[in-house]
Amino acid sequence: MFSLDSTNVIDPNYVHKAIKLLYETNAAAVYGRIINHQSLATAKYQWRNKYLFNGDFDYGNEEIDTESLSTYATLTKRNHILQIGNFNKEMRHSEDQELAKRIKANGLKIIASPNLFTYSVKEENIFSMYERYWRWNYGYKKNVTMKELLTITKFFTSRAVKFELKRLNFRLAFFTILCPTLGYLIYRHKVL
């Protein structure tokens, strides 16, 4: 089964490469990385690419067996997924992470490939990016304590904001300062 979010496009050979990996590794699921489509280049999309998609991260060149699953562009073996109960249709979000736990608990593989590219063509505002950041990174938790929120805020301000300010990326620094608090508040209002 192949799933592709409607706000994404893939390289022409993505599915072919994913099928090959699926069978060579005997995996239950294969997926790649996501970055912005080249048509989205403003500061807010630079922020999304860097902090939401981890687009600047060096994943190397080798596929890895991972604990994580992101279903924005994923090929799965139907029989494996049905055997472990399929997606949990009761979940409003984070269903891919819940499925990943069951895949791994059943001794199956999830392969992440740095050589499979998905391109987001979704146009959105910074607030929807903040909400998505929280849903993707903390959505599995029902509640985030004030202490956890402060720890996350401290991380953003001590590392990410300093990094952007050193490079004189004032817009990215500004977007980064707002992410922990606004992201949490938007997420709480919209999702919970």
Protein backbone atom coordinates (compact mmCIF):
# COMPACT_ATOMS: atom_id res chain seq x y z
CA MET A 1 0.00 0.00 0.00
CA PHE A 2 1.27 3.47 -0.79
CA SER A 3 0.09 6.54 1.06
CA LEU A 4 0.88 10.07 -0.05
CA ASP A 5 -0.51 13.17 1.62
CA SER A 6 -2.34 15.39 -0.86
CA THR A 7 -0.06 18.31 0.02
CA ASN A 8 3.08 16.47 -1.10
CA VAL A 9 4.75 15.40 -4.32
CA ILE A 10 7.50 12.82 -4.78
CA ASP A 11 10.37 12.15 -7.13
CA PRO A 12 9.33 10.12 -10.20
CA ASN A 13 11.34 7.09 -9.06
CA TYR A 14 10.28 7.22 -5.38
CA VAL A 15 7.83 4.31 -5.51
CA HIS A 16 10.18 2.12 -7.55
CA LYS A 17 13.03 2.69 -5.06
CA ALA A 18 10.70 2.15 -2.10
CA ILE A 19 9.38 -1.16 -3.49
CA LYS A 20 12.94 -2.36 -3.99
CA LEU A 21 13.85 -1.42 -0.40
CA LEU A 22 10.69 -2.98 0.98
CA TYR A 23 11.56 -6.37 -0.47
CA GLU A 24 15.36 -6.21 -0.08
CA THR A 25 15.05 -5.48 3.65
CA ASN A 26 11.87 -7.48 4.33
CA ALA A 27 10.43 -4.38 6.00
CA ALA A 28 6.83 -3.66 6.90
CA ALA A 29 7.22 0.02 5.91
CA VAL A 30 9.58 2.28 3.96
CA TYR A 31 9.61 6.06 3.86
CA GLY A 32 12.02 8.89 3.09
CA ARG A 33 12.59 12.44 4.12
CA ILE A 34 10.43 15.50 3.56
CA ILE A 35 11.55 18.96 2.52
CA ASN A 36 9.89 22.02 1.05
CA HIS A 37 9.19 22.14 -2.65
CA GLN A 38 11.55 24.62 -4.32
CA SER A 39 8.63 26.97 -5.03
CA LEU A 40 8.29 27.69 -1.29
CA ALA A 41 11.29 29.79 -0.31
CA THR A 42 10.14 32.63 1.98
CA ALA A 43 11.39 32.92 5.57
CA LYS A 44 8.45 31.03 7.07
CA TYR A 45 9.05 28.12 4.69
CA GLN A 46 12.76 28.23 5.47
CA TRP A 47 11.75 27.90 9.13
CA ARG A 48 9.42 24.99 8.31
CA ASN A 49 12.09 23.22 6.29
CA LYS A 50 14.69 23.60 9.02
CA TYR A 51 12.72 23.08 12.24
CA LEU A 52 9.68 21.05 11.25
CA PHE A 53 11.13 18.90 8.45
CA ASN A 54 14.76 18.84 9.72
CA GLY A 55 15.72 19.58 6.13
CA ASP A 56 19.24 20.73 7.04
CA PHE A 57 20.04 17.55 8.97
CA ASP A 58 22.67 15.26 7.45
CA TYR A 59 21.05 11.82 7.41
CA GLY A 60 24.02 10.27 5.59
CA ASN A 61 23.49 7.98 2.61
CA GLU A 62 22.46 4.70 4.20
CA GLU A 63 18.99 3.41 4.96
CA ILE A 64 18.31 2.67 8.62
CA ASP A 65 15.92 0.44 10.53
CA THR A 66 14.14 2.99 12.72
CA GLU A 67 11.60 3.11 15.53
CA SER A 68 9.77 6.01 13.90
CA LEU A 69 7.23 6.14 11.10
CA SER A 70 6.06 9.17 9.16
CA THR A 71 3.26 8.52 6.71
CA TYR A 72 3.46 11.59 4.48
CA ALA A 73 4.79 9.29 1.69
CA THR A 74 5.04 5.70 2.84
CA LEU A 75 5.02 2.29 1.23
CA THR A 76 3.84 -0.56 3.45
CA LYS A 77 3.34 -4.28 3.05
CA ARG A 78 -0.40 -4.66 3.29
CA ASN A 79 -0.31 -8.11 4.88
CA HIS A 80 2.01 -6.94 7.68
CA ILE A 81 -0.06 -3.85 8.46
CA LEU A 82 -3.36 -5.77 8.47
CA GLN A 83 -1.80 -8.56 10.55
CA ILE A 84 -1.00 -6.10 13.37
CA GLY A 85 -4.40 -4.41 13.27
CA ASN A 86 -4.01 -1.66 10.65
CA PHE A 87 -4.09 2.04 11.57
CA ASN A 88 -6.04 2.97 14.67
CA LYS A 89 -8.97 4.85 13.14
CA GLU A 90 -9.98 6.23 16.56
CA MET A 91 -6.87 8.43 16.73
CA ARG A 92 -7.14 12.04 15.58
CA HIS A 93 -3.37 12.44 15.18
CA SER A 94 -0.08 10.62 15.86
CA GLU A 95 -1.55 7.42 14.40
CA ASP A 96 1.66 6.78 12.48
CA GLN A 97 3.70 6.74 15.69
CA GLU A 98 1.22 4.41 17.36
CA LEU A 99 1.41 2.08 14.35
CA ALA A 100 5.22 2.22 14.48
CA LYS A 101 5.18 0.94 18.06
CA ARG A 102 3.05 -2.04 17.02
CA ILE A 103 5.23 -2.74 13.97
CA LYS A 104 8.34 -2.85 16.14
CA ALA A 105 6.61 -4.81 18.94
CA ASN A 106 5.84 -7.49 16.35
CA GLY A 107 9.50 -7.75 15.32
CA LEU A 108 9.04 -6.03 11.96
CA LYS A 109 11.25 -3.40 10.33
CA ILE A 110 10.62 0.22 9.41
CA ILE A 111 13.18 1.51 6.93
CA ALA A 112 13.93 5.24 6.64
CA SER A 113 15.85 6.22 3.53
CA PRO A 114 17.70 9.51 3.09
CA ASN A 115 17.54 8.86 -0.66
CA LEU A 116 13.74 9.04 -0.99
CA PHE A 117 12.50 12.63 -1.22
CA THR A 118 9.04 13.99 -0.56
CA TYR A 119 8.38 17.66 -1.31
CA SER A 120 5.76 19.59 0.59
CA VAL A 121 3.76 21.94 -1.62
CA LYS A 122 1.46 22.95 1.22
CA GLU A 123 1.06 26.68 1.57
CA GLU A 124 0.32 27.61 5.15
CA ASN A 125 0.77 30.31 7.73
CA ILE A 126 3.29 30.28 10.55
CA PHE A 127 0.60 29.43 13.11
CA SER A 128 -0.38 26.22 11.31
CA MET A 129 3.33 25.36 11.16
CA TYR A 130 3.61 25.87 14.92
CA GLU A 131 0.58 23.63 15.52
CA ARG A 132 2.03 20.97 13.26
CA TYR A 133 5.40 21.21 15.01
CA TRP A 134 3.68 20.43 18.32
CA ARG A 135 1.51 17.69 16.90
CA TRP A 136 4.47 15.96 15.22
CA ASN A 137 6.84 16.29 18.17
CA TYR A 138 4.62 16.23 21.25
CA GLY A 139 1.24 15.03 19.97
CA TYR A 140 1.63 11.63 21.55
CA LYS A 141 1.37 13.28 24.98
CA LYS A 142 -2.05 14.19 26.30
CA ASN A 143 -0.68 16.99 28.46
CA VAL A 144 2.55 18.95 28.59
CA THR A 145 3.43 20.27 32.02
CA MET A 146 4.56 23.85 32.57
CA LYS A 147 8.01 22.49 33.44
CA GLU A 148 8.20 20.62 30.11
CA LEU A 149 7.04 23.72 28.23
CA LEU A 150 9.76 25.77 29.93
CA THR A 151 12.37 23.12 29.07
CA ILE A 152 11.30 23.17 25.41
CA THR A 153 11.31 26.98 25.38
CA LYS A 154 14.77 27.03 26.95
CA PHE A 155 16.04 24.64 24.28
CA PHE A 156 14.64 26.80 21.49
CA THR A 157 16.03 30.03 22.90
CA SER A 158 19.41 28.65 23.96
CA ARG A 159 20.19 26.79 20.75
CA ALA A 160 17.97 27.60 17.79
CA VAL A 161 17.52 31.34 18.37
CA LYS A 162 21.23 31.84 19.07
CA PHE A 163 22.07 29.88 15.91
CA GLU A 164 19.79 32.08 13.78
CA LEU A 165 20.96 35.34 15.36
CA LYS A 166 24.62 34.44 14.76
CA ARG A 167 23.77 34.11 11.08
CA LEU A 168 21.71 37.32 11.12
CA ASN A 169 18.54 35.39 10.22
CA PHE A 170 16.29 37.71 12.22
CA ARG A 171 13.01 36.43 10.78
CA LEU A 172 13.90 32.80 11.50
CA ALA A 173 15.01 33.81 15.01
CA PHE A 174 11.69 35.60 15.55
CA PHE A 175 9.66 32.61 14.28
CA THR A 176 11.72 30.32 16.51
CA ILE A 177 11.18 32.39 19.66
CA LEU A 178 7.41 32.18 19.19
CA CYS A 179 7.21 28.46 18.39
CA PRO A 180 7.18 26.84 21.86
CA THR A 181 4.49 28.97 23.47
CA LEU A 182 2.29 29.75 20.46
CA GLY A 183 2.65 26.23 19.11
CA TYR A 184 1.52 24.76 22.40
CA LEU A 185 -1.45 27.15 22.74
CA ILE A 186 -2.62 26.61 19.14
CA TYR A 187 -2.20 22.85 19.49
CA ARG A 188 -4.20 22.79 22.74
CA HIS A 189 -6.98 24.88 21.21
CA LYS A 190 -7.18 23.04 17.88
CA VAL A 191 -6.43 19.41 18.70
CA LEU A 192 -7.35 18.73 22.29
